[in-house]
Amino acid sequence: MAVYPPICDFGWKAPDFTLPGTDGRNWSLKDIAGPNGTLIMFICNHCPYVQSVIDRIVRDAAALQTLGIGVAAISSNDVIAYPQDGFGHMQQEALKHGFTFPYLFDENQSVAKAYNAICTPDFFGFNTDLELQYRGRLDASGRQAAGPDVKRELFEAMKAVAETGMGPEHQIASMGCSIKWKAA
């Protein structure tokens, strides 16, 4: 069953973090932040919603990086219950798809909780002051990718953030699988 995160809480400040990346480096929010904004994406390896658009995520992330947007993806799923989301599999996923951005492992799920991440994919677009400006969807894709000419909503929103510091007033929530939380 698909879940939907809340719409953008404009101005909400990005919580700081430091997480290990699949490249062997630890990354902080400061390391990721770009001169024109920052995009933090919660994804995972096994989610059909992510897998249906992973090539679009990679395409748009690379395009946003050329606009001065810092980009990172975070996987926070319980790897005991979902071993395909484990760190070794994350490294393979990053290589397979040619990630141009850090892919980070939130093993204790504290970053997902701090961001109130709900699903995969869940996109958080911040301006240069690390104030939330976009919490919408990648595009009109769902469990299956939309057509090739679909509007690139995330890209267009973050391009506006890079140019003006502001995200669009109208945003449509992302949709995906719930974050797989560890048992309490």
Protein backbone atom coordinates (compact mmCIF):
# COMPACT_ATOMS: atom_id res chain seq x y z
CA MET A 1 0.00 0.00 0.00
CA ALA A 2 1.36 3.39 -0.98
CA VAL A 3 1.99 6.07 1.61
CA TYR A 4 2.23 9.82 1.09
CA PRO A 5 4.37 12.29 3.05
CA PRO A 6 3.02 15.67 4.10
CA ILE A 7 3.35 18.64 1.78
CA CYS A 8 6.19 21.12 2.23
CA ASP A 9 6.58 22.91 5.56
CA PHE A 10 8.24 25.97 4.00
CA GLY A 11 11.20 27.26 5.99
CA TRP A 12 11.66 24.14 8.15
CA LYS A 13 15.41 23.82 8.82
CA ALA A 14 17.33 20.73 7.71
CA PRO A 15 18.60 18.69 10.67
CA ASP A 16 22.34 18.07 10.61
CA PHE A 17 23.74 14.56 10.37
CA THR A 18 26.87 12.57 9.63
CA LEU A 19 26.42 9.21 7.92
CA PRO A 20 28.66 6.66 6.20
CA GLY A 21 28.52 6.62 2.41
CA THR A 22 28.89 3.74 0.01
CA ASP A 23 32.11 5.42 -1.15
CA GLY A 24 33.77 4.72 2.22
CA ARG A 25 33.54 8.33 3.41
CA ASN A 26 31.47 9.86 6.20
CA TRP A 27 29.25 12.68 4.96
CA SER A 28 27.68 15.53 6.92
CA LEU A 29 24.93 17.85 5.77
CA LYS A 30 27.57 20.59 5.49
CA ASP A 31 29.63 18.39 3.14
CA ILE A 32 26.60 17.82 0.90
CA ALA A 33 25.12 21.32 0.85
CA GLY A 34 25.48 23.04 -2.50
CA PRO A 35 26.03 26.74 -3.17
CA ASN A 36 22.50 27.03 -4.61
CA GLY A 37 20.59 24.52 -2.48
CA THR A 38 20.49 20.94 -1.24
CA LEU A 39 18.42 17.89 -2.08
CA ILE A 40 18.15 15.03 0.41
CA MET A 41 16.37 11.93 -0.92
CA PHE A 42 15.24 8.96 1.14
CA ILE A 43 15.38 5.90 -1.11
CA CYS A 44 16.15 2.20 -0.79
CA ASN A 45 17.20 -0.69 -3.00
CA HIS A 46 14.08 -2.86 -2.96
CA CYS A 47 11.18 -0.40 -3.24
CA PRO A 48 9.30 -0.78 -6.56
CA TYR A 49 8.44 2.94 -6.53
CA VAL A 50 12.15 3.84 -6.36
CA GLN A 51 13.20 1.16 -8.82
CA SER A 52 10.66 2.31 -11.42
CA VAL A 53 12.27 5.78 -11.52
CA ILE A 54 15.85 5.25 -10.34
CA ASP A 55 17.24 6.23 -13.75
CA ARG A 56 15.22 9.46 -13.61
CA ILE A 57 16.43 10.15 -10.08
CA VAL A 58 20.03 9.72 -11.25
CA ARG A 59 19.41 11.89 -14.35
CA ASP A 60 17.78 14.71 -12.40
CA ALA A 61 20.32 14.60 -9.57
CA ALA A 62 23.18 14.99 -12.05
CA ALA A 63 21.40 17.88 -13.78
CA LEU A 64 20.74 19.59 -10.44
CA GLN A 65 24.36 19.21 -9.42
CA THR A 66 25.35 21.23 -12.50
CA LEU A 67 23.07 23.99 -11.16
CA GLY A 68 24.90 24.07 -7.81
CA ILE A 69 22.47 21.86 -5.89
CA GLY A 70 24.14 19.46 -3.47
CA VAL A 71 22.52 16.02 -3.57
CA ALA A 72 22.55 12.94 -1.35
CA ALA A 73 20.41 9.83 -0.99
CA ILE A 74 19.82 8.10 2.33
CA SER A 75 18.65 4.55 2.98
CA SER A 76 17.10 4.10 6.44
CA ASN A 77 15.27 0.79 6.13
CA ASP A 78 15.58 -2.01 8.69
CA VAL A 79 18.18 -4.26 7.07
CA ILE A 80 17.41 -7.19 9.35
CA ALA A 81 13.89 -7.42 7.93
CA TYR A 82 15.00 -6.23 4.46
CA PRO A 83 18.56 -7.51 3.89
CA GLN A 84 18.49 -6.36 0.24
CA ASP A 85 18.73 -2.81 1.65
CA GLY A 86 21.98 -3.61 3.49
CA PHE A 87 25.15 -1.60 3.02
CA GLY A 88 26.83 -4.01 0.59
CA HIS A 89 23.74 -4.00 -1.60
CA MET A 90 23.66 -0.19 -1.42
CA GLN A 91 27.23 -0.11 -2.75
CA GLN A 92 26.20 -2.35 -5.65
CA GLU A 93 23.13 -0.18 -6.37
CA ALA A 94 25.21 3.01 -6.46
CA LEU A 95 27.68 1.44 -8.89
CA LYS A 96 25.00 -0.19 -11.04
CA HIS A 97 23.18 3.10 -11.59
CA GLY A 98 26.20 5.42 -11.65
CA PHE A 99 25.20 7.59 -8.69
CA THR A 100 26.92 10.99 -8.93
CA PHE A 101 25.89 11.74 -5.34
CA PRO A 102 26.64 10.12 -1.98
CA TYR A 103 24.42 7.18 -0.99
CA LEU A 104 24.30 7.16 2.80
CA PHE A 105 23.35 4.51 5.34
CA ASP A 106 21.15 5.57 8.27
CA GLU A 107 21.53 2.32 10.20
CA ASN A 108 19.93 3.53 13.45
CA GLN A 109 17.20 5.41 11.55
CA SER A 110 17.83 8.62 13.51
CA VAL A 111 18.14 10.78 10.38
CA ALA A 112 14.90 9.45 8.88
CA LYS A 113 13.19 10.23 12.19
CA ALA A 114 14.73 13.72 12.38
CA TYR A 115 13.49 14.47 8.86
CA ASN A 116 10.14 12.78 9.47
CA ALA A 117 10.74 10.73 6.33
CA ILE A 118 7.65 8.71 5.50
CA CYS A 119 8.30 6.76 2.34
CA THR A 120 10.73 5.83 -0.40
CA PRO A 121 11.17 7.97 -2.35
CA ASP A 122 10.77 11.03 -0.13
CA PHE A 123 12.40 14.25 -1.41
CA PHE A 124 13.51 17.21 0.71
CA GLY A 125 14.66 20.27 -1.25
CA PHE A 126 16.34 23.07 0.68
CA ASN A 127 17.54 26.56 -0.26
CA THR A 128 21.01 27.91 0.57
CA ASP A 129 19.89 28.62 4.15
CA LEU A 130 18.87 24.95 4.46
CA GLU A 131 15.21 25.94 4.68
CA LEU A 132 12.75 23.48 3.18
CA GLN A 133 11.33 24.63 -0.15
CA TYR A 134 10.21 21.37 -1.78
CA ARG A 135 8.69 18.16 -0.46
CA GLY A 136 6.94 16.89 -3.52
CA ARG A 137 7.24 14.11 -6.00
CA LEU A 138 9.82 13.39 -8.69
CA ASP A 139 7.15 13.38 -11.38
CA ALA A 140 3.75 11.77 -12.05
CA SER A 141 5.22 8.26 -11.80
CA GLY A 142 3.89 5.81 -9.28
CA ARG A 143 4.66 2.14 -8.90
CA GLN A 144 5.26 2.23 -12.66
CA ALA A 145 7.19 4.99 -14.40
CA ALA A 146 5.09 7.61 -16.16
CA GLY A 147 5.66 8.29 -19.86
CA PRO A 148 8.99 9.69 -21.04
CA ASP A 149 7.61 13.20 -21.64
CA VAL A 150 6.21 13.65 -18.11
CA LYS A 151 6.89 16.98 -16.37
CA ARG A 152 10.06 16.84 -14.25
CA GLU A 153 8.50 18.32 -11.10
CA LEU A 154 11.43 17.79 -8.71
CA PHE A 155 13.95 19.09 -11.22
CA GLU A 156 11.86 22.18 -12.05
CA ALA A 157 11.22 22.92 -8.37
CA MET A 158 14.89 22.64 -7.42
CA LYS A 159 15.92 24.67 -10.45
CA ALA A 160 13.64 27.44 -9.13
CA VAL A 161 15.21 27.06 -5.68
CA ALA A 162 18.68 27.41 -7.26
CA GLU A 163 17.60 30.54 -9.12
CA THR A 164 15.36 32.25 -6.55
CA GLY A 165 15.75 30.48 -3.21
CA MET A 166 12.05 29.62 -3.30
CA GLY A 167 10.20 26.45 -4.20
CA PRO A 168 6.82 26.34 -5.95
CA GLU A 169 3.75 27.10 -3.88
CA HIS A 170 1.84 24.17 -5.40
CA GLN A 171 3.42 20.76 -4.78
CA ILE A 172 2.10 17.22 -5.13
CA ALA A 173 3.25 14.76 -2.48
CA SER A 174 5.56 11.92 -3.34
CA MET A 175 4.22 8.38 -3.12
CA GLY A 176 6.02 5.19 -2.23
CA CYS A 177 6.62 2.33 0.16
CA SER A 178 6.75 3.16 3.84
CA ILE A 179 10.11 3.43 5.56
CA LYS A 180 10.73 0.00 7.09
CA TRP A 181 11.13 0.86 10.76
CA LYS A 182 12.92 -1.40 13.22
CA ALA A 183 10.76 -3.10 15.83
CA ALA A 184 10.67 -1.10 19.05
